[in-house]
N, C-alpha and C. Protein backbone atom coordinates (compact mmCIF):
# COMPACT_ATOMS: atom_id res chain seq x y z
N MET A 1 32.79 -54.96 -4.12
CA MET A 1 33.80 -54.15 -3.68
C MET A 1 33.24 -52.88 -3.01
N LEU A 2 32.25 -52.23 -3.70
CA LEU A 2 31.60 -51.10 -3.11
C LEU A 2 31.06 -51.38 -1.78
N LEU A 3 30.24 -52.40 -1.58
CA LEU A 3 29.76 -52.75 -0.32
C LEU A 3 30.80 -53.02 0.74
N ASP A 4 32.00 -53.63 0.34
CA ASP A 4 32.85 -53.88 1.28
C ASP A 4 33.68 -52.66 1.71
N SER A 5 33.71 -51.59 1.01
CA SER A 5 34.36 -50.38 1.29
C SER A 5 33.61 -49.43 2.23
N ARG A 6 32.40 -49.78 2.59
CA ARG A 6 31.46 -48.90 3.35
C ARG A 6 31.97 -48.96 4.85
N LEU A 7 31.98 -47.87 5.55
CA LEU A 7 32.24 -47.80 6.97
C LEU A 7 31.33 -48.76 7.66
N GLU A 8 31.88 -49.30 8.79
CA GLU A 8 31.16 -50.39 9.59
C GLU A 8 29.86 -49.86 9.98
N ASP A 9 29.61 -48.58 10.59
CA ASP A 9 28.42 -48.15 10.89
C ASP A 9 27.36 -47.83 9.80
N GLU A 10 27.84 -47.80 8.64
CA GLU A 10 27.10 -47.49 7.41
C GLU A 10 26.73 -48.86 6.60
N ALA A 11 27.45 -49.85 6.86
CA ALA A 11 27.44 -51.06 6.00
C ALA A 11 25.99 -51.61 5.78
N GLN A 12 25.03 -51.52 6.94
CA GLN A 12 23.84 -52.09 6.66
C GLN A 12 22.78 -51.06 6.32
N LYS A 13 23.05 -49.85 6.19
CA LYS A 13 22.12 -48.76 5.97
C LYS A 13 21.86 -48.89 4.30
N PRO A 14 20.60 -48.63 3.90
CA PRO A 14 20.37 -48.45 2.48
C PRO A 14 21.02 -47.45 1.79
N PHE A 15 21.37 -47.59 0.48
CA PHE A 15 21.88 -46.47 -0.32
C PHE A 15 20.71 -45.48 -0.66
N ASN A 16 21.01 -44.26 -0.37
CA ASN A 16 20.02 -43.25 -0.68
C ASN A 16 19.80 -42.91 -2.12
N HIS A 17 20.87 -43.22 -2.79
CA HIS A 17 20.86 -42.89 -4.22
C HIS A 17 21.63 -43.87 -5.01
N VAL A 18 20.91 -44.53 -5.90
CA VAL A 18 21.54 -45.42 -6.95
C VAL A 18 21.10 -45.01 -8.33
N SER A 19 21.98 -44.68 -9.15
CA SER A 19 21.63 -44.15 -10.51
C SER A 19 22.57 -44.67 -11.57
N LEU A 20 22.17 -44.55 -12.79
CA LEU A 20 22.98 -44.87 -14.00
C LEU A 20 22.78 -43.68 -14.97
N GLN A 21 23.94 -43.21 -15.47
CA GLN A 21 23.85 -42.04 -16.36
C GLN A 21 24.31 -42.41 -17.73
N TYR A 22 23.72 -41.94 -18.78
CA TYR A 22 24.09 -42.23 -20.19
C TYR A 22 24.19 -40.91 -20.85
N ILE A 23 25.24 -40.61 -21.63
CA ILE A 23 25.32 -39.42 -22.37
C ILE A 23 25.72 -39.73 -23.83
N ASP A 24 25.01 -39.04 -24.72
CA ASP A 24 25.35 -39.22 -26.16
C ASP A 24 25.44 -37.99 -26.94
N ALA A 25 26.21 -37.89 -27.93
CA ALA A 25 26.23 -36.68 -28.76
C ALA A 25 25.88 -37.00 -30.13
N PHE A 26 24.94 -36.22 -30.77
CA PHE A 26 24.54 -36.45 -32.15
C PHE A 26 25.19 -35.31 -32.87
N GLY A 27 26.10 -35.72 -33.66
CA GLY A 27 26.94 -34.65 -34.34
C GLY A 27 26.36 -34.38 -35.79
N PRO A 28 27.08 -33.59 -36.60
CA PRO A 28 26.76 -33.21 -37.92
C PRO A 28 26.38 -34.54 -38.91
N GLU A 29 27.16 -35.51 -38.73
CA GLU A 29 26.77 -36.68 -39.60
C GLU A 29 25.42 -37.28 -39.30
N LEU A 30 24.84 -37.01 -38.18
CA LEU A 30 23.49 -37.43 -37.81
C LEU A 30 22.50 -36.38 -38.04
N MET A 31 22.87 -35.12 -37.82
CA MET A 31 21.89 -33.98 -37.97
C MET A 31 21.64 -33.56 -39.38
N LYS A 32 22.68 -33.93 -40.27
CA LYS A 32 22.51 -33.75 -41.70
C LYS A 32 22.01 -32.22 -42.10
N GLY A 33 22.73 -31.33 -41.43
CA GLY A 33 22.37 -29.89 -41.80
C GLY A 33 21.21 -29.29 -41.01
N MET A 34 20.46 -30.17 -40.27
CA MET A 34 19.30 -29.58 -39.53
C MET A 34 19.73 -28.66 -38.40
N ALA A 35 19.04 -27.65 -38.10
CA ALA A 35 19.31 -26.85 -36.96
C ALA A 35 19.04 -27.79 -35.69
N PRO A 36 19.68 -27.62 -34.68
CA PRO A 36 19.60 -28.42 -33.39
C PRO A 36 18.12 -28.63 -32.97
N GLY A 37 17.37 -27.47 -32.92
CA GLY A 37 15.92 -27.55 -32.49
C GLY A 37 15.01 -28.37 -33.38
N LYS A 38 15.38 -28.19 -34.67
CA LYS A 38 14.58 -29.08 -35.65
C LYS A 38 15.03 -30.54 -35.44
N PHE A 39 16.19 -30.81 -35.27
CA PHE A 39 16.74 -32.27 -35.06
C PHE A 39 15.97 -32.87 -33.81
N ILE A 40 15.96 -32.09 -32.62
CA ILE A 40 15.40 -32.45 -31.45
C ILE A 40 13.94 -32.89 -31.69
N THR A 41 13.29 -31.96 -32.39
CA THR A 41 11.85 -32.04 -32.56
C THR A 41 11.40 -33.19 -33.64
N ASP A 42 12.10 -32.96 -34.81
CA ASP A 42 11.68 -33.85 -35.96
C ASP A 42 12.29 -35.38 -35.82
N VAL A 43 13.52 -35.41 -35.36
CA VAL A 43 14.20 -36.73 -35.39
C VAL A 43 14.04 -37.37 -33.99
N LEU A 44 14.41 -36.73 -32.84
CA LEU A 44 14.24 -37.25 -31.58
C LEU A 44 12.81 -37.33 -30.97
N GLY A 45 12.02 -36.51 -31.68
CA GLY A 45 10.60 -36.52 -31.22
C GLY A 45 10.14 -35.75 -29.96
N LEU A 46 11.09 -34.84 -29.53
CA LEU A 46 10.71 -34.01 -28.40
C LEU A 46 10.21 -32.73 -28.75
N SER A 47 8.97 -32.32 -28.23
CA SER A 47 8.37 -31.10 -28.63
C SER A 47 9.01 -29.84 -27.92
N VAL A 48 9.27 -28.86 -28.74
CA VAL A 48 9.79 -27.69 -28.18
C VAL A 48 9.24 -26.42 -29.00
N GLY A 49 9.00 -25.41 -28.37
CA GLY A 49 8.50 -24.20 -29.07
C GLY A 49 8.15 -23.12 -28.16
N LEU A 50 7.98 -21.89 -28.69
CA LEU A 50 7.51 -20.84 -27.84
C LEU A 50 5.94 -20.50 -28.09
N PRO A 51 5.44 -19.98 -26.99
CA PRO A 51 3.97 -19.60 -27.27
C PRO A 51 3.79 -18.65 -28.49
N ARG A 52 2.68 -18.82 -29.16
CA ARG A 52 2.35 -18.13 -30.33
C ARG A 52 2.57 -16.56 -30.16
N ASP A 53 2.21 -16.06 -29.12
CA ASP A 53 2.37 -14.56 -28.79
C ASP A 53 3.87 -14.22 -28.86
N PHE A 54 4.74 -15.09 -28.55
CA PHE A 54 6.25 -14.70 -28.47
C PHE A 54 6.81 -14.74 -29.83
N GLN A 55 6.28 -15.36 -30.85
CA GLN A 55 6.74 -15.65 -32.24
C GLN A 55 7.03 -14.20 -32.92
N ALA A 56 6.15 -13.13 -32.54
CA ALA A 56 6.31 -11.77 -33.12
C ALA A 56 7.66 -11.15 -32.72
N PHE A 57 8.24 -11.69 -31.63
CA PHE A 57 9.52 -11.13 -31.13
C PHE A 57 10.70 -11.90 -31.59
N VAL A 58 10.57 -12.98 -32.21
CA VAL A 58 11.62 -13.96 -32.58
C VAL A 58 12.12 -13.52 -33.92
N ASP A 59 13.51 -13.40 -34.08
CA ASP A 59 14.10 -13.13 -35.42
C ASP A 59 14.04 -14.34 -36.25
N PRO A 60 13.37 -14.42 -37.37
CA PRO A 60 13.16 -15.56 -38.09
C PRO A 60 14.48 -16.09 -38.80
N GLN A 61 15.50 -15.21 -38.85
CA GLN A 61 16.83 -15.49 -39.45
C GLN A 61 17.72 -16.30 -38.57
N HIS A 62 17.22 -16.54 -37.30
CA HIS A 62 18.04 -17.25 -36.30
C HIS A 62 17.15 -18.42 -35.69
N SER A 63 17.78 -19.53 -35.55
CA SER A 63 17.02 -20.61 -34.86
C SER A 63 17.23 -20.46 -33.36
N PRO A 64 16.14 -20.66 -32.58
CA PRO A 64 16.26 -20.50 -31.20
C PRO A 64 17.21 -21.63 -30.64
N SER A 65 17.91 -21.32 -29.57
CA SER A 65 18.68 -22.33 -28.84
C SER A 65 17.74 -23.21 -28.05
N VAL A 66 17.83 -24.51 -28.03
CA VAL A 66 16.87 -25.28 -27.50
C VAL A 66 17.46 -26.22 -26.39
N HIS A 67 16.69 -26.36 -25.24
CA HIS A 67 17.13 -27.27 -24.20
C HIS A 67 15.91 -27.87 -23.74
N VAL A 68 15.67 -29.17 -23.73
CA VAL A 68 14.49 -29.82 -23.23
C VAL A 68 14.96 -30.57 -22.07
N GLN A 69 14.16 -30.45 -20.98
CA GLN A 69 14.53 -31.18 -19.74
C GLN A 69 13.22 -31.76 -19.19
N VAL A 70 13.12 -33.04 -18.95
CA VAL A 70 11.98 -33.83 -18.46
C VAL A 70 12.46 -34.78 -17.36
N THR A 71 11.67 -34.77 -16.20
CA THR A 71 11.90 -35.82 -15.19
C THR A 71 10.45 -36.35 -14.96
N THR A 72 10.50 -37.79 -14.94
CA THR A 72 9.22 -38.49 -14.72
C THR A 72 9.36 -39.80 -14.03
N ALA A 73 8.51 -40.23 -13.30
CA ALA A 73 8.51 -41.51 -12.69
C ALA A 73 8.17 -42.54 -13.70
N LEU A 74 8.93 -43.71 -13.59
CA LEU A 74 8.59 -44.83 -14.59
C LEU A 74 7.71 -45.84 -13.81
N THR A 75 7.19 -46.70 -14.55
CA THR A 75 6.30 -47.85 -14.07
C THR A 75 7.06 -48.92 -13.30
N ASN A 76 8.43 -48.82 -13.41
CA ASN A 76 9.14 -49.88 -12.70
C ASN A 76 9.83 -49.43 -11.40
N GLY A 77 9.32 -48.28 -10.94
CA GLY A 77 9.86 -47.72 -9.61
C GLY A 77 11.12 -46.91 -9.71
N LEU A 78 11.48 -46.51 -10.98
CA LEU A 78 12.71 -45.75 -11.21
C LEU A 78 12.14 -44.43 -11.69
N ILE A 79 13.12 -43.48 -11.60
CA ILE A 79 12.85 -42.11 -12.08
C ILE A 79 13.85 -41.78 -13.19
N LEU A 80 13.30 -41.26 -14.44
CA LEU A 80 14.07 -40.83 -15.42
C LEU A 80 14.17 -39.39 -15.57
N SER A 81 15.43 -38.89 -15.67
CA SER A 81 15.66 -37.53 -16.09
C SER A 81 16.36 -37.39 -17.43
N LEU A 82 15.70 -36.70 -18.34
CA LEU A 82 16.25 -36.55 -19.71
C LEU A 82 16.47 -35.13 -20.00
N SER A 83 17.67 -34.77 -20.50
CA SER A 83 18.04 -33.53 -20.87
C SER A 83 18.62 -33.59 -22.25
N VAL A 84 18.03 -32.82 -23.17
CA VAL A 84 18.59 -32.79 -24.55
C VAL A 84 18.78 -31.23 -24.94
N ALA A 85 19.88 -30.96 -25.41
CA ALA A 85 20.27 -29.47 -25.70
C ALA A 85 21.36 -29.43 -26.72
N GLU A 86 21.45 -28.16 -27.31
CA GLU A 86 22.58 -27.94 -28.15
C GLU A 86 23.79 -27.91 -27.30
N GLY A 87 24.85 -28.35 -27.98
CA GLY A 87 26.11 -28.31 -27.16
C GLY A 87 27.26 -28.67 -28.16
N ALA A 88 28.41 -29.14 -27.64
CA ALA A 88 29.54 -29.55 -28.45
C ALA A 88 30.26 -30.77 -27.81
N ALA A 89 30.66 -31.69 -28.70
CA ALA A 89 31.46 -32.81 -28.34
C ALA A 89 32.87 -32.72 -29.13
N ASN A 90 33.86 -32.67 -28.41
CA ASN A 90 35.09 -32.50 -29.08
C ASN A 90 35.21 -31.32 -29.97
N ASN A 91 34.58 -30.22 -29.42
CA ASN A 91 34.54 -28.97 -30.19
C ASN A 91 33.75 -29.00 -31.52
N ILE A 92 32.82 -30.02 -31.68
CA ILE A 92 32.07 -30.14 -32.85
C ILE A 92 30.57 -29.91 -32.38
N PRO A 93 29.95 -28.86 -32.99
CA PRO A 93 28.55 -28.57 -32.64
C PRO A 93 27.72 -29.88 -32.65
N SER A 94 26.92 -30.12 -31.68
CA SER A 94 26.12 -31.39 -31.60
C SER A 94 24.91 -31.13 -30.73
N VAL A 95 24.03 -32.07 -30.75
CA VAL A 95 22.93 -32.12 -29.77
C VAL A 95 23.32 -33.27 -28.78
N ILE A 96 23.30 -32.73 -27.46
CA ILE A 96 23.79 -33.61 -26.47
C ILE A 96 22.62 -34.13 -25.66
N ALA A 97 22.45 -35.50 -25.51
CA ALA A 97 21.37 -36.13 -24.66
C ALA A 97 22.04 -36.79 -23.43
N THR A 98 21.49 -36.38 -22.30
CA THR A 98 21.82 -36.87 -21.01
C THR A 98 20.60 -37.63 -20.41
N MET A 99 20.80 -38.80 -20.10
CA MET A 99 19.78 -39.68 -19.51
C MET A 99 20.24 -40.13 -18.18
N ASN A 100 19.48 -39.87 -16.99
CA ASN A 100 19.84 -40.43 -15.81
C ASN A 100 18.69 -41.12 -15.22
N VAL A 101 18.86 -42.47 -14.93
CA VAL A 101 17.80 -43.18 -14.28
C VAL A 101 18.21 -43.57 -12.96
N ARG A 102 17.30 -43.28 -11.98
CA ARG A 102 17.70 -43.55 -10.60
C ARG A 102 16.56 -44.31 -9.82
N ALA A 103 16.92 -44.91 -8.72
CA ALA A 103 15.92 -45.51 -7.90
C ALA A 103 14.99 -44.50 -7.16
N ALA A 104 13.76 -44.67 -7.10
CA ALA A 104 12.86 -43.78 -6.50
C ALA A 104 12.92 -43.78 -4.97
N LYS A 105 13.45 -44.86 -4.48
CA LYS A 105 13.51 -44.95 -3.02
C LYS A 105 14.79 -45.68 -2.59
N PRO A 106 15.19 -45.57 -1.31
CA PRO A 106 16.45 -46.16 -0.99
C PRO A 106 16.65 -47.64 -1.33
N VAL A 107 17.80 -48.13 -1.67
CA VAL A 107 18.03 -49.46 -2.05
C VAL A 107 18.87 -50.18 -1.01
N GLU A 108 18.44 -51.42 -0.71
CA GLU A 108 19.05 -52.24 0.34
C GLU A 108 20.54 -52.48 0.01
N PRO A 109 21.44 -52.58 0.97
CA PRO A 109 22.90 -52.69 0.65
C PRO A 109 23.24 -54.14 0.33
N SER A 110 22.80 -54.62 -0.79
CA SER A 110 23.19 -56.04 -1.19
C SER A 110 23.50 -55.89 -2.67
N VAL A 111 24.47 -56.76 -3.15
CA VAL A 111 24.79 -56.82 -4.53
C VAL A 111 23.72 -57.00 -5.40
N ASP A 112 22.76 -57.99 -4.92
CA ASP A 112 21.62 -58.32 -5.89
C ASP A 112 20.65 -57.13 -5.94
N GLU A 113 20.42 -56.42 -4.80
CA GLU A 113 19.41 -55.29 -4.94
C GLU A 113 20.03 -54.12 -5.61
N VAL A 114 21.22 -53.85 -5.57
CA VAL A 114 21.99 -52.71 -6.29
C VAL A 114 22.08 -53.05 -7.79
N MET A 115 22.39 -54.28 -8.05
CA MET A 115 22.45 -54.79 -9.53
C MET A 115 21.06 -54.82 -10.16
N ASN A 116 19.99 -55.17 -9.36
CA ASN A 116 18.68 -55.10 -9.95
C ASN A 116 18.22 -53.77 -10.37
N VAL A 117 18.62 -52.67 -9.50
CA VAL A 117 18.36 -51.25 -9.93
C VAL A 117 19.16 -50.90 -11.16
N LEU A 118 20.44 -51.21 -11.16
CA LEU A 118 21.32 -50.81 -12.26
C LEU A 118 20.87 -51.50 -13.55
N ASN A 119 20.45 -52.74 -13.45
CA ASN A 119 20.02 -53.48 -14.67
C ASN A 119 18.72 -52.89 -15.18
N ALA A 120 17.85 -52.53 -14.27
CA ALA A 120 16.53 -52.13 -14.72
C ALA A 120 16.75 -50.63 -15.33
N ALA A 121 17.71 -49.88 -14.73
CA ALA A 121 18.01 -48.53 -15.30
C ALA A 121 18.63 -48.70 -16.68
N GLN A 122 19.44 -49.52 -16.79
CA GLN A 122 20.10 -49.77 -18.18
C GLN A 122 19.03 -50.18 -19.17
N LYS A 123 18.20 -51.02 -18.77
CA LYS A 123 17.09 -51.60 -19.67
C LYS A 123 16.19 -50.30 -20.07
N ALA A 124 15.80 -49.47 -19.13
CA ALA A 124 14.92 -48.34 -19.40
C ALA A 124 15.68 -47.34 -20.32
N GLN A 125 17.04 -47.07 -20.03
CA GLN A 125 17.74 -46.16 -20.89
C GLN A 125 17.82 -46.74 -22.35
N HIS A 126 18.07 -48.01 -22.42
CA HIS A 126 18.13 -48.54 -23.85
C HIS A 126 16.80 -48.46 -24.53
N GLN A 127 15.73 -48.77 -23.93
CA GLN A 127 14.45 -48.62 -24.51
C GLN A 127 14.10 -47.15 -24.89
N PHE A 128 14.47 -46.23 -24.01
CA PHE A 128 14.15 -44.77 -24.38
C PHE A 128 15.01 -44.41 -25.55
N PHE A 129 16.35 -44.79 -25.55
CA PHE A 129 17.30 -44.39 -26.63
C PHE A 129 16.79 -44.99 -27.96
N GLU A 130 16.38 -46.33 -27.88
CA GLU A 130 15.95 -46.99 -29.09
C GLU A 130 14.67 -46.27 -29.73
N SER A 131 13.83 -45.91 -28.84
CA SER A 131 12.63 -45.15 -29.29
C SER A 131 12.90 -43.74 -29.83
N MET A 132 13.77 -43.07 -29.10
CA MET A 132 14.01 -41.65 -29.48
C MET A 132 14.92 -41.62 -30.87
N THR A 133 15.68 -42.63 -31.01
CA THR A 133 16.49 -42.59 -32.24
C THR A 133 16.03 -43.53 -33.37
N ALA A 134 14.80 -43.92 -33.36
CA ALA A 134 14.30 -44.86 -34.38
C ALA A 134 14.43 -44.28 -35.74
N ALA A 135 14.31 -42.88 -35.95
CA ALA A 135 14.27 -42.33 -37.21
C ALA A 135 15.68 -42.27 -37.85
N ILE A 136 16.70 -42.52 -36.98
CA ILE A 136 18.05 -42.53 -37.54
C ILE A 136 18.87 -43.75 -37.26
N ARG A 137 18.04 -44.80 -37.06
CA ARG A 137 18.68 -46.19 -36.69
C ARG A 137 19.66 -46.58 -37.74
N ASP A 138 19.32 -46.49 -39.05
CA ASP A 138 20.26 -46.98 -40.11
C ASP A 138 21.55 -46.05 -40.04
N ASP A 139 21.49 -44.71 -39.83
CA ASP A 139 22.58 -43.85 -39.67
C ASP A 139 23.53 -44.19 -38.53
N LEU A 140 22.88 -44.52 -37.45
CA LEU A 140 23.65 -44.97 -36.21
C LEU A 140 24.56 -46.19 -36.40
N GLY A 141 23.88 -47.13 -37.19
CA GLY A 141 24.67 -48.35 -37.53
C GLY A 141 25.92 -48.14 -38.42
N ALA A 142 25.86 -47.06 -39.14
CA ALA A 142 27.01 -46.75 -40.12
C ALA A 142 28.18 -46.11 -39.42
N LEU A 143 27.93 -45.66 -38.17
CA LEU A 143 29.06 -44.87 -37.47
C LEU A 143 30.08 -45.69 -36.83
């Protein structure tokens, strides 16, 4: 349907951007009282921190707000952008993870080519999510 809806002069041109986005919220039932920064580091396995010289200026009574953002090329020709930060879902404090996987180059305008990219993107997202959430796998199944 998407391919059929393209304007005639655009119909045979490659898509410049094909991507798949996944968003998840890790709420209090998964964070189990941990500060968001500690959850991001200890559970999701993403390193965050300030340089040692900055520590003298940080109020030890308050946990720093954390936002980790990484973009990297994958071995399958896709590009992963991952953002993990403190946030809220339905007004409940949570850690929000946003994963966007996109083609690194234009995609030919065929159902097979577009679906190949989307399927590869979904597989990459699934593998990253499984790896990132291994420490809370049992808790995820209970939700």
